[in-house]
């Protein structure tokens, strides 16, 4: 799956929340839909986007579908983001230096 598909899937707050819920363990589509003030078809559409981006997988369990998180695309995203971490660290270090400088008498 392309990084673009993963980024597009993660761009939506509902889909990010679905991933957070699934990080706690597998859940049925109905259980996931119950966590939102959205219709079941709307949540199903978000789950479909996550499936196409290969961020979640589903399996039939009786008459229900159980969704679970698939970590591989997130690992690839982490690998891509890793070189940028130094910029965040530098900014956080500068912020900490500024705060410490203000606290000193």
PDB file of N, CA and C in Angstrom:
ATOM      1  N   UNK A   1       0.852  -1.180   0.000  1.00  0.00           N
ATOM      2  CA  UNK A   1       0.000   0.000   0.000  1.00  0.00           C
ATOM      3  C   UNK A   1       0.890   1.232   0.000  1.00  0.00           C
ATOM      4  N   UNK A   2       0.438   2.274  -0.644  1.00  0.00           N
ATOM      5  CA  UNK A   2       1.244   3.483  -0.742  1.00  0.00           C
ATOM      6  C   UNK A   2       1.152   4.303   0.538  1.00  0.00           C
ATOM      7  N   UNK A   3       2.204   5.061   0.783  1.00  0.00           N
ATOM      8  CA  UNK A   3       2.194   5.969   1.931  1.00  0.00           C
ATOM      9  C   UNK A   3       1.078   6.994   1.787  1.00  0.00           C
ATOM     10  N   UNK A   4       0.780   7.393   0.533  1.00  0.00           N
ATOM     11  CA  UNK A   4      -0.289   8.366   0.311  1.00  0.00           C
ATOM     12  C   UNK A   4      -1.618   7.845   0.839  1.00  0.00           C
ATOM     13  N   UNK A   5      -1.922   6.581   0.584  1.00  0.00           N
ATOM     14  CA  UNK A   5      -3.179   6.008   1.062  1.00  0.00           C
ATOM     15  C   UNK A   5      -3.226   5.998   2.587  1.00  0.00           C
ATOM     16  N   UNK A   6      -2.101   5.725   3.202  1.00  0.00           N
ATOM     17  CA  UNK A   6      -2.043   5.717   4.675  1.00  0.00           C
ATOM     18  C   UNK A   6      -2.235   7.133   5.205  1.00  0.00           C
ATOM     19  N   UNK A   7      -1.530   8.105   4.622  1.00  0.00           N
ATOM     20  CA  UNK A   7      -1.691   9.489   5.065  1.00  0.00           C
ATOM     21  C   UNK A   7      -3.125   9.971   4.875  1.00  0.00           C
ATOM     22  N   UNK A   8      -3.733   9.638   3.731  1.00  0.00           N
ATOM     23  CA  UNK A   8      -5.121  10.038   3.495  1.00  0.00           C
ATOM     24  C   UNK A   8      -6.058   9.394   4.506  1.00  0.00           C
ATOM     25  N   UNK A   9      -5.818   8.144   4.835  1.00  0.00           N
ATOM     26  CA  UNK A   9      -6.654   7.466   5.823  1.00  0.00           C
ATOM     27  C   UNK A   9      -6.504   8.110   7.194  1.00  0.00           C
ATOM     28  N   UNK A  10      -5.288   8.496   7.541  1.00  0.00           N
ATOM     29  CA  UNK A  10      -5.027   9.087   8.853  1.00  0.00           C
ATOM     30  C   UNK A  10      -5.452  10.545   8.941  1.00  0.00           C
ATOM     31  N   UNK A  11      -5.767  11.167   7.818  1.00  0.00           N
ATOM     32  CA  UNK A  11      -6.131  12.586   7.810  1.00  0.00           C
ATOM     33  C   UNK A  11      -7.473  12.845   8.487  1.00  0.00           C
ATOM     34  N   UNK A  12      -8.281  11.831   8.632  1.00  0.00           N
ATOM     35  CA  UNK A  12      -9.615  12.012   9.187  1.00  0.00           C
ATOM     36  C   UNK A  12      -9.640  11.651  10.675  1.00  0.00           C
ATOM     37  N   UNK A  13     -10.189  12.533  11.523  1.00  0.00           N
ATOM     38  CA  UNK A  13     -10.194  12.241  12.974  1.00  0.00           C
ATOM     39  C   UNK A  13     -11.009  11.015  13.359  1.00  0.00           C
ATOM     40  N   UNK A  14     -12.077  10.721  12.639  1.00  0.00           N
ATOM     41  CA  UNK A  14     -12.866   9.519  12.948  1.00  0.00           C
ATOM     42  C   UNK A  14     -12.013   8.282  12.707  1.00  0.00           C
ATOM     43  N   UNK A  15     -11.280   8.259  11.620  1.00  0.00           N
ATOM     44  CA  UNK A  15     -10.440   7.089  11.326  1.00  0.00           C
ATOM     45  C   UNK A  15      -9.297   6.961  12.327  1.00  0.00           C
ATOM     46  N   UNK A  16      -8.742   8.097  12.751  1.00  0.00           N
ATOM     47  CA  UNK A  16      -7.693   8.022  13.781  1.00  0.00           C
ATOM     48  C   UNK A  16      -8.266   7.461  15.075  1.00  0.00           C
ATOM     49  N   UNK A  17      -9.477   7.872  15.417  1.00  0.00           N
ATOM     50  CA  UNK A  17     -10.115   7.352  16.638  1.00  0.00           C
ATOM     51  C   UNK A  17     -10.411   5.857  16.502  1.00  0.00           C
ATOM     52  N   UNK A  18     -10.833   5.431  15.318  1.00  0.00           N
ATOM     53  CA  UNK A  18     -11.051   3.997  15.090  1.00  0.00           C
ATOM     54  C   UNK A  18      -9.764   3.219  15.322  1.00  0.00           C
ATOM     55  N   UNK A  19      -8.657   3.752  14.840  1.00  0.00           N
ATOM     56  CA  UNK A  19      -7.366   3.073  15.055  1.00  0.00           C
ATOM     57  C   UNK A  19      -7.015   3.033  16.540  1.00  0.00           C
ATOM     58  N   UNK A  20      -7.287   4.127  17.246  1.00  0.00           N
ATOM     59  CA  UNK A  20      -7.028   4.132  18.693  1.00  0.00           C
ATOM     60  C   UNK A  20      -7.842   3.052  19.393  1.00  0.00           C
ATOM     61  N   UNK A  21      -9.106   2.947  19.036  1.00  0.00           N
ATOM     62  CA  UNK A  21      -9.961   1.915  19.641  1.00  0.00           C
ATOM     63  C   UNK A  21      -9.447   0.523  19.319  1.00  0.00           C
ATOM     64  N   UNK A  22      -9.028   0.314  18.078  1.00  0.00           N
ATOM     65  CA  UNK A  22      -8.538  -1.000  17.681  1.00  0.00           C
ATOM     66  C   UNK A  22      -7.163  -1.308  18.270  1.00  0.00           C
ATOM     67  N   UNK A  23      -6.437  -0.289  18.700  1.00  0.00           N
ATOM     68  CA  UNK A  23      -5.147  -0.547  19.338  1.00  0.00           C
ATOM     69  C   UNK A  23      -5.336  -1.251  20.690  1.00  0.00           C
ATOM     70  N   UNK A  24      -6.543  -1.176  21.232  1.00  0.00           N
ATOM     71  CA  UNK A  24      -6.856  -1.846  22.494  1.00  0.00           C
ATOM     72  C   UNK A  24      -7.219  -3.307  22.282  1.00  0.00           C
ATOM     73  N   UNK A  25      -7.472  -3.676  21.025  1.00  0.00           N
ATOM     74  CA  UNK A  25      -7.827  -5.063  20.715  1.00  0.00           C
ATOM     75  C   UNK A  25      -8.906  -5.119  19.658  1.00  0.00           C
ATOM     76  N   UNK A  26      -9.133  -6.313  19.105  1.00  0.00           N
ATOM     77  CA  UNK A  26     -10.142  -6.474  18.053  1.00  0.00           C
ATOM     78  C   UNK A  26     -11.532  -6.095  18.549  1.00  0.00           C
ATOM     79  N   UNK A  27     -12.329  -5.567  17.622  1.00  0.00           N
ATOM     80  CA  UNK A  27     -13.704  -5.172  17.945  1.00  0.00           C
ATOM     81  C   UNK A  27     -14.600  -5.436  16.746  1.00  0.00           C
ATOM     82  N   UNK A  28     -15.861  -5.639  17.026  1.00  0.00           N
ATOM     83  CA  UNK A  28     -16.825  -5.817  15.942  1.00  0.00           C
ATOM     84  C   UNK A  28     -17.183  -4.451  15.354  1.00  0.00           C
ATOM     85  N   UNK A  29     -17.692  -4.491  14.137  1.00  0.00           N
ATOM     86  CA  UNK A  29     -18.110  -3.255  13.475  1.00  0.00           C
ATOM     87  C   UNK A  29     -19.199  -2.560  14.287  1.00  0.00           C
ATOM     88  N   UNK A  30     -20.132  -3.340  14.829  1.00  0.00           N
ATOM     89  CA  UNK A  30     -21.202  -2.756  15.636  1.00  0.00           C
ATOM     90  C   UNK A  30     -20.680  -2.073  16.883  1.00  0.00           C
ATOM     91  N   UNK A  31     -19.716  -2.698  17.543  1.00  0.00           N
ATOM     92  CA  UNK A  31     -19.115  -2.100  18.736  1.00  0.00           C
ATOM     93  C   UNK A  31     -18.408  -0.791  18.375  1.00  0.00           C
ATOM     94  N   UNK A  32     -17.686  -0.808  17.279  1.00  0.00           N
ATOM     95  CA  UNK A  32     -16.988   0.411  16.844  1.00  0.00           C
ATOM     96  C   UNK A  32     -17.987   1.507  16.497  1.00  0.00           C
ATOM     97  N   UNK A  33     -19.054   1.160  15.782  1.00  0.00           N
ATOM     98  CA  UNK A  33     -20.056   2.151  15.398  1.00  0.00           C
ATOM     99  C   UNK A  33     -20.709   2.771  16.633  1.00  0.00           C
ATOM    100  N   UNK A  34     -20.850   1.982  17.694  1.00  0.00           N
ATOM    101  CA  UNK A  34     -21.454   2.481  18.925  1.00  0.00           C
ATOM    102  C   UNK A  34     -20.627   3.532  19.640  1.00  0.00           C
ATOM    103  N   UNK A  35     -19.398   3.721  19.239  1.00  0.00           N
ATOM    104  CA  UNK A  35     -18.512   4.688  19.876  1.00  0.00           C
ATOM    105  C   UNK A  35     -18.620   6.081  19.252  1.00  0.00           C
ATOM    106  N   UNK A  36     -19.455   6.226  18.217  1.00  0.00           N
ATOM    107  CA  UNK A  36     -19.545   7.478  17.474  1.00  0.00           C
ATOM    108  C   UNK A  36     -20.985   7.941  17.339  1.00  0.00           C
ATOM    109  N   UNK A  37     -21.151   9.232  17.160  1.00  0.00           N
ATOM    110  CA  UNK A  37     -22.458   9.798  16.849  1.00  0.00           C
ATOM    111  C   UNK A  37     -22.632   9.849  15.339  1.00  0.00           C
ATOM    112  N   UNK A  38     -22.352   8.730  14.703  1.00  0.00           N
ATOM    113  CA  UNK A  38     -22.470   8.588  13.256  1.00  0.00           C
ATOM    114  C   UNK A  38     -23.327   7.372  12.964  1.00  0.00           C
ATOM    115  N   UNK A  39     -23.868   7.326  11.764  1.00  0.00           N
ATOM    116  CA  UNK A  39     -24.633   6.145  11.369  1.00  0.00           C
ATOM    117  C   UNK A  39     -23.683   4.967  11.168  1.00  0.00           C
ATOM    118  N   UNK A  40     -24.225   3.768  11.275  1.00  0.00           N
ATOM    119  CA  UNK A  40     -23.407   2.568  11.023  1.00  0.00           C
ATOM    120  C   UNK A  40     -22.806   2.585   9.622  1.00  0.00           C
ATOM    121  N   UNK A  41     -23.583   2.977   8.583  1.00  0.00           N
ATOM    122  CA  UNK A  41     -22.986   3.026   7.241  1.00  0.00           C
ATOM    123  C   UNK A  41     -21.818   4.024   7.148  1.00  0.00           C
ATOM    124  N   UNK A  42     -21.903   5.132   7.878  1.00  0.00           N
ATOM    125  CA  UNK A  42     -20.802   6.109   7.853  1.00  0.00           C
ATOM    126  C   UNK A  42     -19.550   5.511   8.480  1.00  0.00           C
ATOM    127  N   UNK A  43     -19.716   4.820   9.608  1.00  0.00           N
ATOM    128  CA  UNK A  43     -18.570   4.176  10.250  1.00  0.00           C
ATOM    129  C   UNK A  43     -18.035   3.065   9.355  1.00  0.00           C
ATOM    130  N   UNK A  44     -18.924   2.318   8.707  1.00  0.00           N
ATOM    131  CA  UNK A  44     -18.495   1.251   7.793  1.00  0.00           C
ATOM    132  C   UNK A  44     -17.665   1.828   6.644  1.00  0.00           C
ATOM    133  N   UNK A  45     -18.042   3.002   6.175  1.00  0.00           N
ATOM    134  CA  UNK A  45     -17.271   3.645   5.103  1.00  0.00           C
ATOM    135  C   UNK A  45     -15.866   4.004   5.586  1.00  0.00           C
ATOM    136  N   UNK A  46     -15.769   4.519   6.806  1.00  0.00           N
ATOM    137  CA  UNK A  46     -14.450   4.832   7.377  1.00  0.00           C
ATOM    138  C   UNK A  46     -13.619   3.558   7.534  1.00  0.00           C
ATOM    139  N   UNK A  47     -14.244   2.493   7.979  1.00  0.00           N
ATOM    140  CA  UNK A  47     -13.528   1.220   8.114  1.00  0.00           C
ATOM    141  C   UNK A  47     -13.053   0.715   6.753  1.00  0.00           C
ATOM    142  N   UNK A  48     -13.851   0.936   5.729  1.00  0.00           N
ATOM    143  CA  UNK A  48     -13.458   0.520   4.377  1.00  0.00           C
ATOM    144  C   UNK A  48     -12.213   1.279   3.924  1.00  0.00           C
ATOM    145  N   UNK A  49     -12.141   2.578   4.213  1.00  0.00           N
ATOM    146  CA  UNK A  49     -10.955   3.371   3.863  1.00  0.00           C
ATOM    147  C   UNK A  49      -9.733   2.820   4.597  1.00  0.00           C
ATOM    148  N   UNK A  50      -9.903   2.500   5.873  1.00  0.00           N
ATOM    149  CA  UNK A  50      -8.793   1.941   6.650  1.00  0.00           C
ATOM    150  C   UNK A  50      -8.381   0.571   6.110  1.00  0.00           C
ATOM    151  N   UNK A  51      -9.347  -0.230   5.675  1.00  0.00           N
ATOM    152  CA  UNK A  51      -9.014  -1.536   5.072  1.00  0.00           C
ATOM    153  C   UNK A  51      -8.241  -1.357   3.777  1.00  0.00           C
ATOM    154  N   UNK A  52      -8.680  -0.425   2.928  1.00  0.00           N
ATOM    155  CA  UNK A  52      -7.983  -0.202   1.659  1.00  0.00           C
ATOM    156  C   UNK A  52      -6.554   0.279   1.894  1.00  0.00           C
ATOM    157  N   UNK A  53      -6.338   1.028   2.967  1.00  0.00           N
ATOM    158  CA  UNK A  53      -4.991   1.495   3.317  1.00  0.00           C
ATOM    159  C   UNK A  53      -4.212   0.417   4.069  1.00  0.00           C
ATOM    160  N   UNK A  54      -4.854  -0.731   4.290  1.00  0.00           N
ATOM    161  CA  UNK A  54      -4.260  -1.871   4.987  1.00  0.00           C
ATOM    162  C   UNK A  54      -3.877  -1.555   6.431  1.00  0.00           C
ATOM    163  N   UNK A  55      -4.585  -0.600   7.019  1.00  0.00           N
ATOM    164  CA  UNK A  55      -4.366  -0.266   8.421  1.00  0.00           C
ATOM    165  C   UNK A  55      -5.179  -1.156   9.345  1.00  0.00           C
ATOM    166  N   UNK A  56      -6.265  -1.723   8.830  1.00  0.00           N
ATOM    167  CA  UNK A  56      -7.066  -2.682   9.584  1.00  0.00           C
ATOM    168  C   UNK A  56      -7.370  -3.875   8.690  1.00  0.00           C
ATOM    169  N   UNK A  57      -7.647  -4.971   9.320  1.00  0.00           N
ATOM    170  CA  UNK A  57      -8.101  -6.169   8.624  1.00  0.00           C
ATOM    171  C   UNK A  57      -9.364  -6.634   9.336  1.00  0.00           C
ATOM    172  N   UNK A  58     -10.159  -7.382   8.640  1.00  0.00           N
ATOM    173  CA  UNK A  58     -11.384  -7.885   9.255  1.00  0.00           C
ATOM    174  C   UNK A  58     -11.525  -9.371   8.972  1.00  0.00           C
ATOM    175  N   UNK A  59     -12.270 -10.004   9.844  1.00  0.00           N
ATOM    176  CA  UNK A  59     -12.537 -11.428   9.680  1.00  0.00           C
ATOM    177  C   UNK A  59     -13.970 -11.698  10.118  1.00  0.00           C
ATOM    178  N   UNK A  60     -14.635 -12.604   9.432  1.00  0.00           N
ATOM    179  CA  UNK A  60     -16.003 -12.926   9.835  1.00  0.00           C
ATOM    180  C   UNK A  60     -15.998 -13.756  11.113  1.00  0.00           C
ATOM    181  N   UNK A  61     -16.883 -13.397  12.006  1.00  0.00           N
ATOM    182  CA  UNK A  61     -17.097 -14.156  13.237  1.00  0.00           C
ATOM    183  C   UNK A  61     -18.605 -14.330  13.355  1.00  0.00           C
ATOM    184  N   UNK A  62     -19.072 -15.469  12.916  1.00  0.00           N
ATOM    185  CA  UNK A  62     -20.518 -15.675  12.857  1.00  0.00           C
ATOM    186  C   UNK A  62     -21.120 -14.726  11.836  1.00  0.00           C
ATOM    187  N   UNK A  63     -22.102 -13.953  12.270  1.00  0.00           N
ATOM    188  CA  UNK A  63     -22.734 -12.984  11.377  1.00  0.00           C
ATOM    189  C   UNK A  63     -22.096 -11.612  11.456  1.00  0.00           C
ATOM    190  N   UNK A  64     -21.078 -11.473  12.267  1.00  0.00           N
ATOM    191  CA  UNK A  64     -20.426 -10.177  12.451  1.00  0.00           C
ATOM    192  C   UNK A  64     -19.046 -10.167  11.797  1.00  0.00           C
ATOM    193  N   UNK A  65     -18.508  -8.983  11.693  1.00  0.00           N
ATOM    194  CA  UNK A  65     -17.124  -8.823  11.228  1.00  0.00           C
ATOM    195  C   UNK A  65     -16.324  -8.242  12.386  1.00  0.00           C
ATOM    196  N   UNK A  66     -15.194  -8.854  12.648  1.00  0.00           N
ATOM    197  CA  UNK A  66     -14.312  -8.376  13.715  1.00  0.00           C
ATOM    198  C   UNK A  66     -13.112  -7.708  13.053  1.00  0.00           C
ATOM    199  N   UNK A  67     -12.846  -6.475  13.473  1.00  0.00           N
ATOM    200  CA  UNK A  67     -11.739  -5.694  12.920  1.00  0.00           C
ATOM    201  C   UNK A  67     -10.570  -5.691  13.883  1.00  0.00           C
ATOM    202  N   UNK A  68      -9.371  -5.681  13.322  1.00  0.00           N
ATOM    203  CA  UNK A  68      -8.177  -5.541  14.154  1.00  0.00           C
ATOM    204  C   UNK A  68      -7.157  -4.686  13.415  1.00  0.00           C
ATOM    205  N   UNK A  69      -6.311  -4.075  14.191  1.00  0.00           N
ATOM    206  CA  UNK A  69      -5.267  -3.190  13.682  1.00  0.00           C
ATOM    207  C   UNK A  69      -4.180  -4.007  13.007  1.00  0.00           C
ATOM    208  N   UNK A  70      -3.674  -3.513  11.894  1.00  0.00           N
ATOM    209  CA  UNK A  70      -2.495  -4.109  11.266  1.00  0.00           C
ATOM    210  C   UNK A  70      -1.386  -3.076  11.331  1.00  0.00           C
ATOM    211  N   UNK A  71      -0.294  -3.438  11.937  1.00  0.00           N
ATOM    212  CA  UNK A  71       0.750  -2.473  12.273  1.00  0.00           C
ATOM    213  C   UNK A  71       1.733  -2.166  11.149  1.00  0.00           C
ATOM    214  N   UNK A  72       1.833  -3.019  10.156  1.00  0.00           N
ATOM    215  CA  UNK A  72       2.873  -2.842   9.136  1.00  0.00           C
ATOM    216  C   UNK A  72       2.863  -1.460   8.482  1.00  0.00           C
ATOM    217  N   UNK A  73       1.709  -0.935   8.037  1.00  0.00           N
ATOM    218  CA  UNK A  73       1.742   0.400   7.429  1.00  0.00           C
ATOM    219  C   UNK A  73       2.163   1.489   8.416  1.00  0.00           C
ATOM    220  N   UNK A  74       1.813   1.315   9.691  1.00  0.00           N
ATOM    221  CA  UNK A  74       2.216   2.304  10.694  1.00  0.00           C
ATOM    222  C   UNK A  74       3.723   2.239  10.940  1.00  0.00           C
ATOM    223  N   UNK A  75       4.285   1.042  10.873  1.00  0.00           N
ATOM    224  CA  UNK A  75       5.732   0.897  11.014  1.00  0.00           C
ATOM    225  C   UNK A  75       6.447   1.580   9.857  1.00  0.00           C
ATOM    226  N   UNK A  76       5.908   1.413   8.650  1.00  0.00           N
ATOM    227  CA  UNK A  76       6.502   2.080   7.481  1.00  0.00           C
ATOM    228  C   UNK A  76       6.410   3.593   7.625  1.00  0.00           C
ATOM    229  N   UNK A  77       5.285   4.066   8.139  1.00  0.00           N
ATOM    230  CA  UNK A  77       5.105   5.499   8.363  1.00  0.00           C
ATOM    231  C   UNK A  77       6.099   6.004   9.403  1.00  0.00           C
ATOM    232  N   UNK A  78       6.292   5.231  10.439  1.00  0.00           N
ATOM    233  CA  UNK A  78       7.262   5.592  11.469  1.00  0.00           C
ATOM    234  C   UNK A  78       8.664   5.670  10.886  1.00  0.00           C
ATOM    235  N   UNK A  79       9.001   4.722  10.036  1.00  0.00           N
ATOM    236  CA  UNK A  79      10.313   4.754   9.374  1.00  0.00           C
ATOM    237  C   UNK A  79      10.465   6.013   8.542  1.00  0.00           C
ATOM    238  N   UNK A  80       9.394   6.421   7.879  1.00  0.00           N
ATOM    239  CA  UNK A  80       9.448   7.615   7.046  1.00  0.00           C
ATOM    240  C   UNK A  80       9.590   8.872   7.911  1.00  0.00           C
ATOM    241  N   UNK A  81       8.899   8.900   9.051  1.00  0.00           N
ATOM    242  CA  UNK A  81       8.916  10.076   9.925  1.00  0.00           C
ATOM    243  C   UNK A  81      10.201  10.206  10.746  1.00  0.00           C
ATOM    244  N   UNK A  82      10.882   9.098  10.949  1.00  0.00           N
ATOM    245  CA  UNK A  82      12.051   9.077  11.828  1.00  0.00           C
ATOM    246  C   UNK A  82      13.076  10.183  11.542  1.00  0.00           C
ATOM    247  N   UNK A  83      13.452  10.442  10.290  1.00  0.00           N
ATOM    248  CA  UNK A  83      14.446  11.497  10.035  1.00  0.00           C
ATOM    249  C   UNK A  83      13.991  12.891  10.473  1.00  0.00           C
ATOM    250  N   UNK A  84      12.696  13.097  10.623  1.00  0.00           N
ATOM    251  CA  UNK A  84      12.185  14.410  10.997  1.00  0.00           C
ATOM    252  C   UNK A  84      12.156  14.621  12.507  1.00  0.00           C
ATOM    253  N   UNK A  85      12.370  13.551  13.258  1.00  0.00           N
ATOM    254  CA  UNK A  85      12.312  13.649  14.718  1.00  0.00           C
ATOM    255  C   UNK A  85      13.321  14.640  15.274  1.00  0.00           C
ATOM    256  N   UNK A  86      14.449  14.777  14.632  1.00  0.00           N
ATOM    257  CA  UNK A  86      15.473  15.691  15.163  1.00  0.00           C
ATOM    258  C   UNK A  86      14.965  17.121  15.189  1.00  0.00           C
ATOM    259  N   UNK A  87      14.096  17.492  14.227  1.00  0.00           N
ATOM    260  CA  UNK A  87      13.530  18.834  14.227  1.00  0.00           C
ATOM    261  C   UNK A  87      12.621  19.036  15.430  1.00  0.00           C
ATOM    262  N   UNK A  88      11.816  18.015  15.757  1.00  0.00           N
ATOM    263  CA  UNK A  88      10.947  18.114  16.925  1.00  0.00           C
ATOM    264  C   UNK A  88      11.774  18.199  18.192  1.00  0.00           C
ATOM    265  N   UNK A  89      12.815  17.364  18.285  1.00  0.00           N
ATOM    266  CA  UNK A  89      13.659  17.378  19.483  1.00  0.00           C
ATOM    267  C   UNK A  89      14.316  18.739  19.649  1.00  0.00           C
ATOM    268  N   UNK A  90      14.814  19.316  18.555  1.00  0.00           N
ATOM    269  CA  UNK A  90      15.463  20.626  18.626  1.00  0.00           C
ATOM    270  C   UNK A  90      14.473  21.691  19.093  1.00  0.00           C
ATOM    271  N   UNK A  91      13.267  21.661  18.588  1.00  0.00           N
ATOM    272  CA  UNK A  91      12.269  22.653  18.991  1.00  0.00           C
ATOM    273  C   UNK A  91      11.871  22.471  20.454  1.00  0.00           C
ATOM    274  N   UNK A  92      11.707  21.230  20.874  1.00  0.00           N
ATOM    275  CA  UNK A  92      11.363  20.974  22.273  1.00  0.00           C
ATOM    276  C   UNK A  92      12.500  21.389  23.203  1.00  0.00           C
ATOM    277  N   UNK A  93      13.736  21.134  22.758  1.00  0.00           N
ATOM    278  CA  UNK A  93      14.888  21.554  23.555  1.00  0.00           C
ATOM    279  C   UNK A  93      14.928  23.077  23.678  1.00  0.00           C
ATOM    280  N   UNK A  94      14.679  23.784  22.579  1.00  0.00           N
ATOM    281  CA  UNK A  94      14.670  25.242  22.606  1.00  0.00           C
ATOM    282  C   UNK A  94      13.551  25.766  23.510  1.00  0.00           C
ATOM    283  N   UNK A  95      12.402  25.128  23.470  1.00  0.00           N
ATOM    284  CA  UNK A  95      11.294  25.522  24.337  1.00  0.00           C
ATOM    285  C   UNK A  95      11.660  25.299  25.798  1.00  0.00           C
ATOM    286  N   UNK A  96      12.250  24.159  26.094  1.00  0.00           N
ATOM    287  CA  UNK A  96      12.659  23.874  27.484  1.00  0.00           C
ATOM    288  C   UNK A  96      13.700  24.890  27.939  1.00  0.00           C
ATOM    289  N   UNK A  97      14.654  25.241  27.091  1.00  0.00           N
ATOM    290  CA  UNK A  97      15.662  26.243  27.448  1.00  0.00           C
ATOM    291  C   UNK A  97      15.008  27.599  27.738  1.00  0.00           C
ATOM    292  N   UNK A  98      14.026  27.967  26.943  1.00  0.00           N
ATOM    293  CA  UNK A  98      13.333  29.235  27.128  1.00  0.00           C
ATOM    294  C   UNK A  98      12.572  29.235  28.455  1.00  0.00           C
ATOM    295  N   UNK A  99      11.875  28.146  28.729  1.00  0.00           N
ATOM    296  CA  UNK A  99      11.117  28.053  29.987  1.00  0.00           C
ATOM    297  C   UNK A  99      12.051  28.077  31.176  1.00  0.00           C
ATOM    298  N   UNK A 100      13.138  27.325  31.095  1.00  0.00           N
ATOM    299  CA  UNK A 100      14.098  27.312  32.212  1.00  0.00           C
ATOM    300  C   UNK A 100      14.722  28.689  32.409  1.00  0.00           C
ATOM    301  N   UNK A 101      14.974  29.413  31.310  1.00  0.00           N
ATOM    302  CA  UNK A 101      15.534  30.749  31.408  1.00  0.00           C
ATOM    303  C   UNK A 101      14.585  31.724  32.078  1.00  0.00           C
ATOM    304  N   UNK A 102      13.280  31.547  31.848  1.00  0.00           N
ATOM    305  CA  UNK A 102      12.286  32.410  32.481  1.00  0.00           C
ATOM    306  C   UNK A 102      12.110  32.098  33.957  1.00  0.00           C
ATOM    307  N   UNK A 103      12.346  30.858  34.341  1.00  0.00           N
ATOM    308  CA  UNK A 103      12.176  30.458  35.734  1.00  0.00           C
ATOM    309  C   UNK A 103      13.359  30.858  36.594  1.00  0.00           C
ATOM    310  N   UNK A 104      14.512  31.081  35.992  1.00  0.00           N
ATOM    311  CA  UNK A 104      15.720  31.450  36.754  1.00  0.00           C
ATOM    312  C   UNK A 104      15.608  32.893  37.235  1.00  0.00           C
ATOM    313  N   UNK A 105      16.033  33.128  38.483  1.00  0.00           N
ATOM    314  CA  UNK A 105      15.975  34.520  38.996  1.00  0.00           C
ATOM    315  C   UNK A 105      17.037  35.380  38.386  1.00  0.00           C
TER     316      UNK A 105
END
